[in-house]
Protein backbone atom coordinates (compact mmCIF):
# COMPACT_ATOMS: atom_id res chain seq x y z
CA MET A 1 0.00 0.00 0.00
CA SER A 2 1.28 3.48 -0.81
CA GLU A 3 2.06 5.83 2.06
CA VAL A 4 -0.80 5.47 4.49
CA VAL A 5 0.59 8.17 6.78
CA ILE A 6 3.23 10.75 6.02
CA LEU A 7 5.47 12.20 8.73
CA THR A 8 6.90 15.66 8.26
CA GLU A 9 10.53 16.16 9.23
CA ALA A 10 9.44 18.21 12.27
CA ALA A 11 7.17 15.37 13.46
CA ALA A 12 9.91 12.79 12.91
CA LEU A 13 12.42 14.82 14.95
CA GLN A 14 9.91 15.17 17.81
CA ILE A 15 9.09 11.46 17.73
CA LYS A 16 12.80 10.56 17.82
CA ASP A 17 13.27 12.88 20.82
CA MET A 18 10.31 11.25 22.58
CA MET A 19 11.66 7.76 21.82
CA LYS A 20 15.01 8.69 23.32
CA GLU A 21 13.42 10.39 26.36
CA HIS A 22 11.28 7.33 27.12
CA GLY A 23 13.91 4.68 26.32
CA GLU A 24 11.99 3.51 23.25
CA GLU A 25 14.76 3.72 20.62
CA GLY A 26 14.21 0.98 18.08
CA ALA A 27 10.49 0.75 18.82
CA TYR A 28 7.80 1.09 16.19
CA LEU A 29 5.49 4.08 16.09
CA ARG A 30 1.93 2.74 15.95
CA VAL A 31 -0.61 5.03 14.30
CA GLY A 32 -4.25 4.01 14.29
CA VAL A 33 -7.89 4.89 14.58
CA LYS A 34 -10.39 3.73 17.18
CA GLY A 35 -14.06 4.38 17.82
CA GLY A 36 -14.92 7.21 20.18
CA GLY A 37 -14.40 10.93 20.55
CA CYS A 38 -16.87 13.75 19.83
CA SER A 39 -17.15 12.96 16.12
CA GLY A 40 -17.03 9.16 16.32
CA LEU A 41 -13.40 8.24 15.55
CA SER A 42 -10.18 9.14 17.37
CA TYR A 43 -6.52 9.01 16.39
CA GLY A 44 -4.03 7.08 18.43
CA MET A 45 -0.22 7.07 18.45
CA GLY A 46 2.14 5.15 20.66
CA PHE A 47 5.28 3.06 20.79
CA GLU A 48 5.24 -0.68 20.27
CA HIS A 49 7.94 -3.34 20.09
CA GLU A 50 6.23 -6.06 18.06
CA ARG A 51 4.66 -6.05 14.62
CA GLN A 52 1.36 -7.91 14.20
CA ASP A 53 0.38 -9.95 11.13
CA GLU A 54 -2.37 -7.46 10.26
CA ASP A 55 0.00 -4.46 10.24
CA TYR A 56 1.37 -2.47 7.34
CA GLU A 57 4.95 -1.38 8.01
CA LEU A 58 6.39 1.88 6.68
CA GLU A 59 9.64 3.69 7.35
CA GLN A 60 10.14 7.45 7.19
CA TYR A 61 13.08 9.49 8.50
CA GLY A 62 14.42 6.33 10.15
CA ILE A 63 11.19 5.73 12.10
CA LYS A 64 9.42 2.42 11.60
CA ILE A 65 5.66 2.98 11.50
CA LEU A 66 2.90 0.40 12.00
CA VAL A 67 -0.69 0.87 10.82
CA ASP A 68 -3.26 -1.90 11.23
CA LYS A 69 -5.15 -2.94 8.11
CA GLU A 70 -8.46 -1.69 9.53
CA SER A 71 -7.12 1.84 10.12
CA ALA A 72 -5.15 2.05 6.86
CA PRO A 73 -7.98 3.04 4.49
CA ILE A 74 -9.25 5.64 6.97
CA LEU A 75 -5.75 7.13 7.34
CA LYS A 76 -4.61 6.92 3.69
CA GLY A 77 -2.79 10.14 2.81
CA THR A 78 -2.80 11.52 6.36
CA VAL A 79 0.02 13.96 7.18
CA ILE A 80 1.34 14.08 10.75
CA ASP A 81 3.21 17.27 11.60
CA TYR A 82 4.58 18.88 14.75
CA LYS A 83 4.00 22.58 15.35
CA GLN A 84 5.74 24.71 17.96
CA SER A 85 4.13 27.92 19.24
CA LEU A 86 4.40 30.30 22.18
CA MET A 87 1.80 28.17 23.98
CA GLY A 88 3.85 24.99 23.52
CA GLY A 89 3.95 22.35 20.84
CA GLY A 90 1.84 19.54 19.60
CA PHE A 91 1.19 17.11 16.79
CA THR A 92 -1.26 18.05 14.07
CA ILE A 93 -3.03 15.52 11.89
CA ASP A 94 -4.30 16.40 8.43
CA ASN A 95 -6.50 13.58 7.19
CA PRO A 96 -7.90 14.12 3.67
CA ASN A 97 -10.57 11.48 4.41
CA ALA A 98 -12.09 13.34 7.36
CA ILE A 99 -15.32 15.14 6.49
CA ALA A 100 -15.98 16.45 10.02
CA THR A 101 -13.79 17.07 13.06
CA CYS A 102 -14.52 18.32 16.54
CA GLY A 103 -12.99 21.33 18.22
CA CYS A 104 -10.27 19.32 19.96
CA GLY A 105 -8.93 18.18 16.57
CA SER A 106 -8.35 14.57 17.61
CA SER A 107 -11.82 13.26 16.77
CA PHE A 108 -13.27 12.96 13.28
CA ARG A 109 -15.50 11.00 10.94
CA THR A 110 -15.25 10.00 7.30
CA ALA A 111 -17.90 9.64 4.60
CA THR A 112 -17.88 5.86 5.05
CA ASN A 113 -17.14 5.53 8.78
CA ALA A 114 -18.89 7.64 11.39
CA GLY A 115 -17.81 5.58 14.41
CA THR A 116 -19.69 6.00 17.69
CA PRO A 117 -19.56 9.57 19.06
CA GLU A 118 -18.96 10.20 22.76
CA GLU A 119 -19.43 13.38 24.74
CA CYS A 120 -16.36 15.66 24.81
């Protein structure tokens, strides 16, 4: 599968710093989608040490990325960036498949998958 998620260089540098800070060098970055959030679906990112059979594996900027086959079509073409501002920094996610997002920016729905909304 072509690039399911795309890391910017800024995001990759932040992820590498976090891996080092938490002793996770060599771990995979898992990116996925789960039901929940204000709009029905929520993004998830975390470190993992084992690849599952149902995972797609990508590598960008030296970071190995895992995306499960269920999340892949929902995330296809998603860009993960890291923005720094006077109020601090944070990851931003630009998903071309999202047709609605909530104010917090971490919950969304697509035309084909609305998920199950929760209260924010």
